[in-house]
Amino acid sequence: MSEALADEVKPFGIKVLIVEPGNFRTNLQNGFAVSKPIPAYQDTVGATVRNAAASDGTQAGDPAKAAAAIITALDAEETPLRLPLGNDAVDLLLAHSDRFRADVATWEKVSRGTDFD
C-alpha cells in the first residue's frame, strides 16, 4: 500500500518513506508482553521471541543515528521509498531481493505466457 501511496501523492510533493529498522537498542522489549507460546510455532515465532529477549540491551542499532538517517532521507531531493536501518536490516532486504529476483527469473517464461495470443 505504501508503494501505491507514494506514486499517488508524489505529484503533490508528498514523500512516502518506508522505514525498515533492524534491531535497535530501545526500551521496546522491556517488559514486552508475549502471548502464550504455541508449540507449532516454536521454530519460527518462538525463535524470534527468544532471540529478542536474549539480545535486549545489546542490539547494535543506535536510535539517535537511526533518527538522523530518517531525517537525512526525508531531506534528500530523491527520498528513497525504502530505508533499511542497521546492518541486519540491509542484509535481510538484500536477501529478500535476491529471492524475489530468483523467483521471477525461474518463473519468467510461465509468467510471460499468460497474455492472450
PDB file of N, CA and C in Angstrom:
ATOM      1  N   MET A   1       0.818  -1.189   0.000  1.00  0.00           N
ATOM      2  CA  MET A   1       0.000   0.000   0.000  1.00  0.00           C
ATOM      3  C   MET A   1       0.866   1.258   0.000  1.00  0.00           C
ATOM      4  N   SER A   2       1.978   1.198   0.688  1.00  0.00           N
ATOM      5  CA  SER A   2       2.856   2.369   0.735  1.00  0.00           C
ATOM      6  C   SER A   2       3.443   2.686  -0.631  1.00  0.00           C
ATOM      7  N   GLU A   3       3.724   1.643  -1.425  1.00  0.00           N
ATOM      8  CA  GLU A   3       4.259   1.869  -2.766  1.00  0.00           C
ATOM      9  C   GLU A   3       3.222   2.586  -3.628  1.00  0.00           C
ATOM     10  N   ALA A   4       1.975   2.131  -3.566  1.00  0.00           N
ATOM     11  CA  ALA A   4       0.910   2.779  -4.337  1.00  0.00           C
ATOM     12  C   ALA A   4       0.695   4.205  -3.845  1.00  0.00           C
ATOM     13  N   LEU A   5       0.699   4.387  -2.537  1.00  0.00           N
ATOM     14  CA  LEU A   5       0.524   5.719  -1.965  1.00  0.00           C
ATOM     15  C   LEU A   5       1.624   6.662  -2.441  1.00  0.00           C
ATOM     16  N   ALA A   6       2.857   6.183  -2.465  1.00  0.00           N
ATOM     17  CA  ALA A   6       3.978   7.022  -2.897  1.00  0.00           C
ATOM     18  C   ALA A   6       3.762   7.528  -4.314  1.00  0.00           C
ATOM     19  N   ASP A   7       3.308   6.647  -5.203  1.00  0.00           N
ATOM     20  CA  ASP A   7       3.053   7.048  -6.591  1.00  0.00           C
ATOM     21  C   ASP A   7       1.905   8.050  -6.681  1.00  0.00           C
ATOM     22  N   GLU A   8       0.878   7.852  -5.858  1.00  0.00           N
ATOM     23  CA  GLU A   8      -0.301   8.727  -5.912  1.00  0.00           C
ATOM     24  C   GLU A   8      -0.032  10.138  -5.400  1.00  0.00           C
ATOM     25  N   VAL A   9       0.796  10.273  -4.379  1.00  0.00           N
ATOM     26  CA  VAL A   9       0.978  11.587  -3.754  1.00  0.00           C
ATOM     27  C   VAL A   9       2.241  12.319  -4.207  1.00  0.00           C
ATOM     28  N   LYS A  10       3.111  11.642  -4.951  1.00  0.00           N
ATOM     29  CA  LYS A  10       4.355  12.282  -5.409  1.00  0.00           C
ATOM     30  C   LYS A  10       4.099  13.573  -6.192  1.00  0.00           C
ATOM     31  N   PRO A  11       3.090  13.607  -7.097  1.00  0.00           N
ATOM     32  CA  PRO A  11       2.844  14.848  -7.837  1.00  0.00           C
ATOM     33  C   PRO A  11       2.488  16.043  -6.946  1.00  0.00           C
ATOM     34  N   PHE A  12       2.098  15.771  -5.710  1.00  0.00           N
ATOM     35  CA  PHE A  12       1.731  16.844  -4.787  1.00  0.00           C
ATOM     36  C   PHE A  12       2.880  17.230  -3.859  1.00  0.00           C
ATOM     37  N   GLY A  13       4.066  16.666  -4.129  1.00  0.00           N
ATOM     38  CA  GLY A  13       5.231  16.988  -3.310  1.00  0.00           C
ATOM     39  C   GLY A  13       5.253  16.261  -1.977  1.00  0.00           C
ATOM     40  N   ILE A  14       4.448  15.221  -1.842  1.00  0.00           N
ATOM     41  CA  ILE A  14       4.403  14.458  -0.599  1.00  0.00           C
ATOM     42  C   ILE A  14       5.296  13.234  -0.745  1.00  0.00           C
ATOM     43  N   LYS A  15       6.156  13.029   0.226  1.00  0.00           N
ATOM     44  CA  LYS A  15       7.078  11.903   0.208  1.00  0.00           C
ATOM     45  C   LYS A  15       6.558  10.780   1.101  1.00  0.00           C
ATOM     46  N   VAL A  16       6.797   9.567   0.676  1.00  0.00           N
ATOM     47  CA  VAL A  16       6.482   8.384   1.476  1.00  0.00           C
ATOM     48  C   VAL A  16       7.789   7.645   1.710  1.00  0.00           C
ATOM     49  N   LEU A  17       8.053   7.319   2.950  1.00  0.00           N
ATOM     50  CA  LEU A  17       9.279   6.613   3.308  1.00  0.00           C
ATOM     51  C   LEU A  17       8.906   5.403   4.146  1.00  0.00           C
ATOM     52  N   ILE A  18       9.271   4.229   3.657  1.00  0.00           N
ATOM     53  CA  ILE A  18       9.064   3.001   4.415  1.00  0.00           C
ATOM     54  C   ILE A  18      10.359   2.751   5.188  1.00  0.00           C
ATOM     55  N   VAL A  19      10.298   2.925   6.493  1.00  0.00           N
ATOM     56  CA  VAL A  19      11.465   2.704   7.339  1.00  0.00           C
ATOM     57  C   VAL A  19      11.442   1.242   7.780  1.00  0.00           C
ATOM     58  N   GLU A  20      12.531   0.539   7.502  1.00  0.00           N
ATOM     59  CA  GLU A  20      12.626  -0.881   7.827  1.00  0.00           C
ATOM     60  C   GLU A  20      13.803  -1.076   8.783  1.00  0.00           C
ATOM     61  N   PRO A  21      13.536  -0.896  10.087  1.00  0.00           N
ATOM     62  CA  PRO A  21      14.619  -0.967  11.064  1.00  0.00           C
ATOM     63  C   PRO A  21      15.000  -2.394  11.430  1.00  0.00           C
ATOM     64  N   GLY A  22      16.262  -2.574  11.710  1.00  0.00           N
ATOM     65  CA  GLY A  22      16.745  -3.825  12.274  1.00  0.00           C
ATOM     66  C   GLY A  22      16.583  -3.756  13.782  1.00  0.00           C
ATOM     67  N   ASN A  23      17.516  -4.365  14.479  1.00  0.00           N
ATOM     68  CA  ASN A  23      17.462  -4.377  15.948  1.00  0.00           C
ATOM     69  C   ASN A  23      18.135  -3.122  16.505  1.00  0.00           C
ATOM     70  N   PHE A  24      17.366  -2.370  17.258  1.00  0.00           N
ATOM     71  CA  PHE A  24      17.871  -1.143  17.870  1.00  0.00           C
ATOM     72  C   PHE A  24      17.739  -1.218  19.375  1.00  0.00           C
ATOM     73  N   ARG A  25      18.676  -0.596  20.037  1.00  0.00           N
ATOM     74  CA  ARG A  25      18.716  -0.607  21.490  1.00  0.00           C
ATOM     75  C   ARG A  25      17.731   0.431  22.035  1.00  0.00           C
ATOM     76  N   THR A  26      16.504  -0.026  22.226  1.00  0.00           N
ATOM     77  CA  THR A  26      15.439   0.828  22.767  1.00  0.00           C
ATOM     78  C   THR A  26      14.802   0.106  23.944  1.00  0.00           C
ATOM     79  N   ASN A  27      13.778   0.706  24.519  1.00  0.00           N
ATOM     80  CA  ASN A  27      13.051   0.078  25.612  1.00  0.00           C
ATOM     81  C   ASN A  27      11.880  -0.760  25.118  1.00  0.00           C
ATOM     82  N   LEU A  28      11.809  -0.996  23.834  1.00  0.00           N
ATOM     83  CA  LEU A  28      10.689  -1.739  23.259  1.00  0.00           C
ATOM     84  C   LEU A  28      10.505  -3.103  23.901  1.00  0.00           C
ATOM     85  N   GLN A  29      11.599  -3.782  24.196  1.00  0.00           N
ATOM     86  CA  GLN A  29      11.496  -5.140  24.718  1.00  0.00           C
ATOM     87  C   GLN A  29      11.425  -5.201  26.238  1.00  0.00           C
ATOM     88  N   ASN A  30      11.590  -4.078  26.918  1.00  0.00           N
ATOM     89  CA  ASN A  30      11.487  -4.082  28.371  1.00  0.00           C
ATOM     90  C   ASN A  30      10.052  -4.388  28.782  1.00  0.00           C
ATOM     91  N   GLY A  31       9.870  -5.475  29.477  1.00  0.00           N
ATOM     92  CA  GLY A  31       8.539  -5.845  29.921  1.00  0.00           C
ATOM     93  C   GLY A  31       7.614  -6.211  28.778  1.00  0.00           C
ATOM     94  N   PHE A  32       8.185  -6.608  27.667  1.00  0.00           N
ATOM     95  CA  PHE A  32       7.417  -6.946  26.477  1.00  0.00           C
ATOM     96  C   PHE A  32       6.489  -8.116  26.789  1.00  0.00           C
ATOM     97  N   ALA A  33       5.204  -7.872  26.635  1.00  0.00           N
ATOM     98  CA  ALA A  33       4.222  -8.922  26.892  1.00  0.00           C
ATOM     99  C   ALA A  33       4.180  -9.870  25.694  1.00  0.00           C
ATOM    100  N   VAL A  34       4.304 -11.134  25.976  1.00  0.00           N
ATOM    101  CA  VAL A  34       4.283 -12.138  24.926  1.00  0.00           C
ATOM    102  C   VAL A  34       3.094 -13.054  25.172  1.00  0.00           C
ATOM    103  N   SER A  35       2.400 -13.376  24.101  1.00  0.00           N
ATOM    104  CA  SER A  35       1.269 -14.283  24.243  1.00  0.00           C
ATOM    105  C   SER A  35       1.769 -15.680  24.590  1.00  0.00           C
ATOM    106  N   LYS A  36       0.858 -16.513  25.024  1.00  0.00           N
ATOM    107  CA  LYS A  36       1.207 -17.872  25.400  1.00  0.00           C
ATOM    108  C   LYS A  36       1.812 -18.596  24.194  1.00  0.00           C
ATOM    109  N   PRO A  37       2.962 -19.225  24.377  1.00  0.00           N
ATOM    110  CA  PRO A  37       3.611 -19.920  23.262  1.00  0.00           C
ATOM    111  C   PRO A  37       2.727 -21.040  22.695  1.00  0.00           C
ATOM    112  N   ILE A  38       2.757 -21.187  21.394  1.00  0.00           N
ATOM    113  CA  ILE A  38       2.037 -22.246  20.698  1.00  0.00           C
ATOM    114  C   ILE A  38       3.089 -23.211  20.164  1.00  0.00           C
ATOM    115  N   PRO A  39       3.053 -24.467  20.577  1.00  0.00           N
ATOM    116  CA  PRO A  39       4.100 -25.406  20.177  1.00  0.00           C
ATOM    117  C   PRO A  39       4.386 -25.445  18.676  1.00  0.00           C
ATOM    118  N   ALA A  40       3.367 -25.345  17.848  1.00  0.00           N
ATOM    119  CA  ALA A  40       3.574 -25.425  16.399  1.00  0.00           C
ATOM    120  C   ALA A  40       4.436 -24.277  15.865  1.00  0.00           C
ATOM    121  N   TYR A  41       4.549 -23.189  16.625  1.00  0.00           N
ATOM    122  CA  TYR A  41       5.296 -22.017  16.168  1.00  0.00           C
ATOM    123  C   TYR A  41       6.647 -21.847  16.862  1.00  0.00           C
ATOM    124  N   GLN A  42       7.077 -22.824  17.625  1.00  0.00           N
ATOM    125  CA  GLN A  42       8.315 -22.681  18.377  1.00  0.00           C
ATOM    126  C   GLN A  42       9.546 -22.502  17.503  1.00  0.00           C
ATOM    127  N   ASP A  43       9.542 -23.065  16.299  1.00  0.00           N
ATOM    128  CA  ASP A  43      10.706 -22.932  15.422  1.00  0.00           C
ATOM    129  C   ASP A  43      10.719 -21.612  14.662  1.00  0.00           C
ATOM    130  N   THR A  44       9.588 -20.927  14.593  1.00  0.00           N
ATOM    131  CA  THR A  44       9.509 -19.673  13.835  1.00  0.00           C
ATOM    132  C   THR A  44       9.324 -18.508  14.795  1.00  0.00           C
ATOM    133  N   VAL A  45       8.119 -18.269  15.223  1.00  0.00           N
ATOM    134  CA  VAL A  45       7.836 -17.155  16.129  1.00  0.00           C
ATOM    135  C   VAL A  45       8.565 -17.337  17.450  1.00  0.00           C
ATOM    136  N   GLY A  46       8.610 -18.556  17.935  1.00  0.00           N
ATOM    137  CA  GLY A  46       9.307 -18.816  19.204  1.00  0.00           C
ATOM    138  C   GLY A  46      10.764 -18.425  19.134  1.00  0.00           C
ATOM    139  N   ALA A  47      11.402 -18.737  18.016  1.00  0.00           N
ATOM    140  CA  ALA A  47      12.809 -18.370  17.849  1.00  0.00           C
ATOM    141  C   ALA A  47      12.984 -16.859  17.851  1.00  0.00           C
ATOM    142  N   THR A  48      12.071 -16.152  17.211  1.00  0.00           N
ATOM    143  CA  THR A  48      12.138 -14.689  17.183  1.00  0.00           C
ATOM    144  C   THR A  48      11.999 -14.115  18.585  1.00  0.00           C
ATOM    145  N   VAL A  49      11.050 -14.633  19.351  1.00  0.00           N
ATOM    146  CA  VAL A  49      10.833 -14.152  20.727  1.00  0.00           C
ATOM    147  C   VAL A  49      12.060 -14.430  21.581  1.00  0.00           C
ATOM    148  N   ARG A  50      12.618 -15.631  21.458  1.00  0.00           N
ATOM    149  CA  ARG A  50      13.817 -15.972  22.249  1.00  0.00           C
ATOM    150  C   ARG A  50      15.006 -15.084  21.867  1.00  0.00           C
ATOM    151  N   ASN A  51      15.193 -14.857  20.580  1.00  0.00           N
ATOM    152  CA  ASN A  51      16.307 -14.006  20.131  1.00  0.00           C
ATOM    153  C   ASN A  51      16.140 -12.571  20.603  1.00  0.00           C
ATOM    154  N   ALA A  52      14.925 -12.068  20.562  1.00  0.00           N
ATOM    155  CA  ALA A  52      14.671 -10.705  21.016  1.00  0.00           C
ATOM    156  C   ALA A  52      14.981 -10.573  22.503  1.00  0.00           C
ATOM    157  N   ALA A  53      14.540 -11.537  23.278  1.00  0.00           N
ATOM    158  CA  ALA A  53      14.794 -11.481  24.723  1.00  0.00           C
ATOM    159  C   ALA A  53      16.284 -11.586  25.023  1.00  0.00           C
ATOM    160  N   ALA A  54      16.990 -12.441  24.303  1.00  0.00           N
ATOM    161  CA  ALA A  54      18.417 -12.644  24.547  1.00  0.00           C
ATOM    162  C   ALA A  54      19.250 -11.431  24.154  1.00  0.00           C
ATOM    163  N   SER A  55      18.777 -10.666  23.179  1.00  0.00           N
ATOM    164  CA  SER A  55      19.573  -9.531  22.699  1.00  0.00           C
ATOM    165  C   SER A  55      19.207  -8.216  23.374  1.00  0.00           C
ATOM    166  N   ASP A  56      18.204  -8.226  24.239  1.00  0.00           N
ATOM    167  CA  ASP A  56      17.753  -6.986  24.877  1.00  0.00           C
ATOM    168  C   ASP A  56      18.912  -6.274  25.567  1.00  0.00           C
ATOM    169  N   GLY A  57      19.134  -5.039  25.179  1.00  0.00           N
ATOM    170  CA  GLY A  57      20.190  -4.225  25.764  1.00  0.00           C
ATOM    171  C   GLY A  57      21.530  -4.336  25.056  1.00  0.00           C
ATOM    172  N   THR A  58      21.630  -5.235  24.084  1.00  0.00           N
ATOM    173  CA  THR A  58      22.895  -5.399  23.368  1.00  0.00           C
ATOM    174  C   THR A  58      22.739  -5.214  21.864  1.00  0.00           C
ATOM    175  N   GLN A  59      21.570  -4.746  21.423  1.00  0.00           N
ATOM    176  CA  GLN A  59      21.342  -4.550  19.994  1.00  0.00           C
ATOM    177  C   GLN A  59      22.369  -3.567  19.437  1.00  0.00           C
ATOM    178  N   ALA A  60      22.741  -3.781  18.192  1.00  0.00           N
ATOM    179  CA  ALA A  60      23.777  -2.959  17.558  1.00  0.00           C
ATOM    180  C   ALA A  60      23.265  -1.575  17.160  1.00  0.00           C
ATOM    181  N   GLY A  61      21.965  -1.452  16.896  1.00  0.00           N
ATOM    182  CA  GLY A  61      21.423  -0.207  16.369  1.00  0.00           C
ATOM    183  C   GLY A  61      21.338   0.915  17.388  1.00  0.00           C
ATOM    184  N   ASP A  62      21.784   2.098  16.967  1.00  0.00           N
ATOM    185  CA  ASP A  62      21.747   3.316  17.789  1.00  0.00           C
ATOM    186  C   ASP A  62      20.525   4.132  17.364  1.00  0.00           C
ATOM    187  N   PRO A  63      19.521   4.279  18.230  1.00  0.00           N
ATOM    188  CA  PRO A  63      18.303   5.005  17.857  1.00  0.00           C
ATOM    189  C   PRO A  63      18.552   6.439  17.391  1.00  0.00           C
ATOM    190  N   ALA A  64      19.527   7.122  17.980  1.00  0.00           N
ATOM    191  CA  ALA A  64      19.812   8.506  17.578  1.00  0.00           C
ATOM    192  C   ALA A  64      20.332   8.550  16.139  1.00  0.00           C
ATOM    193  N   LYS A  65      21.180   7.585  15.789  1.00  0.00           N
ATOM    194  CA  LYS A  65      21.684   7.523  14.415  1.00  0.00           C
ATOM    195  C   LYS A  65      20.566   7.155  13.441  1.00  0.00           C
ATOM    196  N   ALA A  66      19.640   6.312  13.884  1.00  0.00           N
ATOM    197  CA  ALA A  66      18.501   5.952  13.032  1.00  0.00           C
ATOM    198  C   ALA A  66      17.639   7.181  12.758  1.00  0.00           C
ATOM    199  N   ALA A  67      17.372   7.957  13.790  1.00  0.00           N
ATOM    200  CA  ALA A  67      16.570   9.170  13.617  1.00  0.00           C
ATOM    201  C   ALA A  67      17.253  10.135  12.651  1.00  0.00           C
ATOM    202  N   ALA A  68      18.568  10.282  12.787  1.00  0.00           N
ATOM    203  CA  ALA A  68      19.315  11.163  11.883  1.00  0.00           C
ATOM    204  C   ALA A  68      19.261  10.649  10.446  1.00  0.00           C
ATOM    205  N   ALA A  69      19.333   9.330  10.269  1.00  0.00           N
ATOM    206  CA  ALA A  69      19.260   8.752   8.919  1.00  0.00           C
ATOM    207  C   ALA A  69      17.892   9.008   8.295  1.00  0.00           C
ATOM    208  N   ILE A  70      16.841   8.901   9.077  1.00  0.00           N
ATOM    209  CA  ILE A  70      15.485   9.164   8.572  1.00  0.00           C
ATOM    210  C   ILE A  70      15.361  10.614   8.122  1.00  0.00           C
ATOM    211  N   ILE A  71      15.846  11.529   8.923  1.00  0.00           N
ATOM    212  CA  ILE A  71      15.791  12.953   8.568  1.00  0.00           C
ATOM    213  C   ILE A  71      16.601  13.211   7.296  1.00  0.00           C
ATOM    214  N   THR A  72      17.784  12.605   7.204  1.00  0.00           N
ATOM    215  CA  THR A  72      18.614  12.760   6.008  1.00  0.00           C
ATOM    216  C   THR A  72      17.862  12.268   4.772  1.00  0.00           C
ATOM    217  N   ALA A  73      17.210  11.116   4.883  1.00  0.00           N
ATOM    218  CA  ALA A  73      16.469  10.566   3.745  1.00  0.00           C
ATOM    219  C   ALA A  73      15.299  11.466   3.360  1.00  0.00           C
ATOM    220  N   LEU A  74      14.585  11.984   4.340  1.00  0.00           N
ATOM    221  CA  LEU A  74      13.440  12.849   4.042  1.00  0.00           C
ATOM    222  C   LEU A  74      13.863  14.192   3.468  1.00  0.00           C
ATOM    223  N   ASP A  75      15.033  14.674   3.870  1.00  0.00           N
ATOM    224  CA  ASP A  75      15.534  15.949   3.359  1.00  0.00           C
ATOM    225  C   ASP A  75      16.177  15.829   1.980  1.00  0.00           C
ATOM    226  N   ALA A  76      16.467  14.605   1.554  1.00  0.00           N
ATOM    227  CA  ALA A  76      17.125  14.401   0.267  1.00  0.00           C
ATOM    228  C   ALA A  76      16.198  14.800  -0.879  1.00  0.00           C
ATOM    229  N   GLU A  77      16.789  15.258  -1.964  1.00  0.00           N
ATOM    230  CA  GLU A  77      15.994  15.619  -3.143  1.00  0.00           C
ATOM    231  C   GLU A  77      15.212  14.405  -3.641  1.00  0.00           C
ATOM    232  N   GLU A  78      15.875  13.256  -3.661  1.00  0.00           N
ATOM    233  CA  GLU A  78      15.225  11.999  -4.058  1.00  0.00           C
ATOM    234  C   GLU A  78      15.171  11.080  -2.847  1.00  0.00           C
ATOM    235  N   THR A  79      14.098  11.158  -2.095  1.00  0.00           N
ATOM    236  CA  THR A  79      13.922  10.307  -0.928  1.00  0.00           C
ATOM    237  C   THR A  79      13.682   8.872  -1.400  1.00  0.00           C
ATOM    238  N   PRO A  80      14.371   7.896  -0.799  1.00  0.00           N
ATOM    239  CA  PRO A  80      14.127   6.510  -1.203  1.00  0.00           C
ATOM    240  C   PRO A  80      12.741   6.071  -0.739  1.00  0.00           C
ATOM    241  N   LEU A  81      12.190   5.087  -1.416  1.00  0.00           N
ATOM    242  CA  LEU A  81      10.922   4.528  -0.952  1.00  0.00           C
ATOM    243  C   LEU A  81      11.149   3.716   0.315  1.00  0.00           C
ATOM    244  N   ARG A  82      12.245   2.953   0.337  1.00  0.00           N
ATOM    245  CA  ARG A  82      12.572   2.117   1.494  1.00  0.00           C
ATOM    246  C   ARG A  82      13.907   2.557   2.082  1.00  0.00           C
ATOM    247  N   LEU A  83      13.950   2.547   3.403  1.00  0.00           N
ATOM    248  CA  LEU A  83      15.192   2.874   4.095  1.00  0.00           C
ATOM    249  C   LEU A  83      15.440   1.815   5.162  1.00  0.00           C
ATOM    250  N   PRO A  84      16.252   0.794   4.820  1.00  0.00           N
ATOM    251  CA  PRO A  84      16.608  -0.169   5.865  1.00  0.00           C
ATOM    252  C   PRO A  84      17.601   0.490   6.812  1.00  0.00           C
ATOM    253  N   LEU A  85      17.432   0.241   8.093  1.00  0.00           N
ATOM    254  CA  LEU A  85      18.315   0.842   9.090  1.00  0.00           C
ATOM    255  C   LEU A  85      19.013  -0.253   9.883  1.00  0.00           C
ATOM    256  N   GLY A  86      20.334  -0.250   9.833  1.00  0.00           N
ATOM    257  CA  GLY A  86      21.134  -1.244  10.531  1.00  0.00           C
ATOM    258  C   GLY A  86      21.657  -2.289   9.564  1.00  0.00           C
ATOM    259  N   ASN A  87      22.792  -2.852   9.899  1.00  0.00           N
ATOM    260  CA  ASN A  87      23.397  -3.882   9.055  1.00  0.00           C
ATOM    261  C   ASN A  87      22.466  -5.074   8.881  1.00  0.00           C
ATOM    262  N   ASP A  88      21.786  -5.468   9.959  1.00  0.00           N
ATOM    263  CA  ASP A  88      20.892  -6.621   9.868  1.00  0.00           C
ATOM    264  C   ASP A  88      19.734  -6.347   8.912  1.00  0.00           C
ATOM    265  N   ALA A  89      19.206  -5.145   8.939  1.00  0.00           N
ATOM    266  CA  ALA A  89      18.096  -4.795   8.046  1.00  0.00           C
ATOM    267  C   ALA A  89      18.552  -4.759   6.590  1.00  0.00           C
ATOM    268  N   VAL A  90      19.723  -4.199   6.347  1.00  0.00           N
ATOM    269  CA  VAL A  90      20.249  -4.160   4.973  1.00  0.00           C
ATOM    270  C   VAL A  90      20.451  -5.582   4.464  1.00  0.00           C
ATOM    271  N   ASP A  91      21.052  -6.440   5.281  1.00  0.00           N
ATOM    272  CA  ASP A  91      21.292  -7.828   4.864  1.00  0.00           C
ATOM    273  C   ASP A  91      19.980  -8.561   4.577  1.00  0.00           C
ATOM    274  N   LEU A  92      18.977  -8.369   5.421  1.00  0.00           N
ATOM    275  CA  LEU A  92      17.685  -9.033   5.213  1.00  0.00           C
ATOM    276  C   LEU A  92      17.009  -8.555   3.933  1.00  0.00           C
ATOM    277  N   LEU A  93      17.040  -7.237   3.682  1.00  0.00           N
ATOM    278  CA  LEU A  93      16.409  -6.719   2.470  1.00  0.00           C
ATOM    279  C   LEU A  93      17.135  -7.182   1.211  1.00  0.00           C
ATOM    280  N   LEU A  94      18.457  -7.223   1.245  1.00  0.00           N
ATOM    281  CA  LEU A  94      19.192  -7.708   0.086  1.00  0.00           C
ATOM    282  C   LEU A  94      18.905  -9.190  -0.168  1.00  0.00           C
ATOM    283  N   ALA A  95      18.822  -9.985   0.899  1.00  0.00           N
ATOM    284  CA  ALA A  95      18.499 -11.409   0.737  1.00  0.00           C
ATOM    285  C   ALA A  95      17.087 -11.571   0.177  1.00  0.00           C
ATOM    286  N   HIS A  96      16.160 -10.760   0.650  1.00  0.00           N
ATOM    287  CA  HIS A  96      14.782 -10.801   0.139  1.00  0.00           C
ATOM    288  C   HIS A  96      14.768 -10.445  -1.346  1.00  0.00           C
ATOM    289  N   SER A  97      15.510  -9.424  -1.707  1.00  0.00           N
ATOM    290  CA  SER A  97      15.592  -9.007  -3.106  1.00  0.00           C
ATOM    291  C   SER A  97      16.173 -10.117  -3.979  1.00  0.00           C
ATOM    292  N   ASP A  98      17.192 -10.795  -3.484  1.00  0.00           N
ATOM    293  CA  ASP A  98      17.795 -11.901  -4.231  1.00  0.00           C
ATOM    294  C   ASP A  98      16.777 -13.021  -4.440  1.00  0.00           C
ATOM    295  N   ARG A  99      16.004 -13.364  -3.384  1.00  0.00           N
ATOM    296  CA  ARG A  99      14.980 -14.421  -3.509  1.00  0.00           C
ATOM    297  C   ARG A  99      13.896 -14.002  -4.493  1.00  0.00           C
ATOM    298  N   PHE A 100      13.485 -12.744  -4.432  1.00  0.00           N
ATOM    299  CA  PHE A 100      12.453 -12.218  -5.323  1.00  0.00           C
ATOM    300  C   PHE A 100      12.913 -12.310  -6.777  1.00  0.00           C
ATOM    301  N   ARG A 101      14.131 -11.840  -7.052  1.00  0.00           N
ATOM    302  CA  ARG A 101      14.667 -11.873  -8.417  1.00  0.00           C
ATOM    303  C   ARG A 101      14.814 -13.316  -8.909  1.00  0.00           C
ATOM    304  N   ALA A 102      15.220 -14.225  -8.043  1.00  0.00           N
ATOM    305  CA  ALA A 102      15.366 -15.625  -8.426  1.00  0.00           C
ATOM    306  C   ALA A 102      14.011 -16.232  -8.794  1.00  0.00           C
ATOM    307  N   ASP A 103      12.974 -15.910  -8.014  1.00  0.00           N
ATOM    308  CA  ASP A 103      11.628 -16.408  -8.328  1.00  0.00           C
ATOM    309  C   ASP A 103      11.147 -15.890  -9.676  1.00  0.00           C
ATOM    310  N   VAL A 104      11.352 -14.605  -9.913  1.00  0.00           N
ATOM    311  CA  VAL A 104      10.923 -14.015 -11.185  1.00  0.00           C
ATOM    312  C   VAL A 104      11.678 -14.675 -12.342  1.00  0.00           C
ATOM    313  N   ALA A 105      12.976 -14.842 -12.196  1.00  0.00           N
ATOM    314  CA  ALA A 105      13.771 -15.453 -13.265  1.00  0.00           C
ATOM    315  C   ALA A 105      13.341 -16.899 -13.515  1.00  0.00           C
ATOM    316  N   THR A 106      13.101 -17.650 -12.460  1.00  0.00           N
ATOM    317  CA  THR A 106      12.700 -19.048 -12.597  1.00  0.00           C
ATOM    318  C   THR A 106      11.350 -19.184 -13.294  1.00  0.00           C
ATOM    319  N   TRP A 107      10.433 -18.302 -12.997  1.00  0.00           N
ATOM    320  CA  TRP A 107       9.070 -18.402 -13.499  1.00  0.00           C
ATOM    321  C   TRP A 107       8.756 -17.418 -14.614  1.00  0.00           C
ATOM    322  N   GLU A 108       9.791 -16.748 -15.133  1.00  0.00           N
ATOM    323  CA  GLU A 108       9.561 -15.713 -16.143  1.00  0.00           C
ATOM    324  C   GLU A 108       8.824 -16.243 -17.367  1.00  0.00           C
ATOM    325  N   LYS A 109       9.229 -17.384 -17.895  1.00  0.00           N
ATOM    326  CA  LYS A 109       8.589 -17.912 -19.102  1.00  0.00           C
ATOM    327  C   LYS A 109       7.114 -18.198 -18.837  1.00  0.00           C
ATOM    328  N   VAL A 110       6.814 -18.818 -17.731  1.00  0.00           N
ATOM    329  CA  VAL A 110       5.416 -19.105 -17.370  1.00  0.00           C
ATOM    330  C   VAL A 110       4.655 -17.791 -17.185  1.00  0.00           C
ATOM    331  N   SER A 111       5.248 -16.851 -16.490  1.00  0.00           N
ATOM    332  CA  SER A 111       4.583 -15.568 -16.222  1.00  0.00           C
ATOM    333  C   SER A 111       4.300 -14.801 -17.497  1.00  0.00           C
ATOM    334  N   ARG A 112       5.254 -14.781 -18.406  1.00  0.00           N
ATOM    335  CA  ARG A 112       5.081 -14.053 -19.666  1.00  0.00           C
ATOM    336  C   ARG A 112       4.114 -14.761 -20.615  1.00  0.00           C
ATOM    337  N   GLY A 113       3.850 -16.036 -20.364  1.00  0.00           N
ATOM    338  CA  GLY A 113       2.961 -16.791 -21.231  1.00  0.00           C
ATOM    339  C   GLY A 113       1.492 -16.672 -20.898  1.00  0.00           C
ATOM    340  N   THR A 114       1.127 -15.691 -20.081  1.00  0.00           N
ATOM    341  CA  THR A 114      -0.268 -15.581 -19.654  1.00  0.00           C
ATOM    342  C   THR A 114      -1.053 -14.529 -20.428  1.00  0.00           C
ATOM    343  N   ASP A 115      -0.448 -13.907 -21.431  1.00  0.00           N
ATOM    344  CA  ASP A 115      -1.180 -12.922 -22.262  1.00  0.00           C
ATOM    345  C   ASP A 115      -1.980 -13.642 -23.339  1.00  0.00           C
ATOM    346  N   PHE A 116      -2.998 -12.963 -23.843  1.00  0.00           N
ATOM    347  CA  PHE A 116      -3.737 -13.509 -24.978  1.00  0.00           C
ATOM    348  C   PHE A 116      -2.799 -13.673 -26.165  1.00  0.00           C
ATOM    349  N   ASP A 117      -3.042 -14.697 -26.972  1.00  0.00           N
ATOM    350  CA  ASP A 117      -2.232 -14.915 -28.183  1.00  0.00           C
ATOM    351  C   ASP A 117      -2.624 -13.934 -29.253  1.00  0.00           C
TER     352      ASP A 117
END
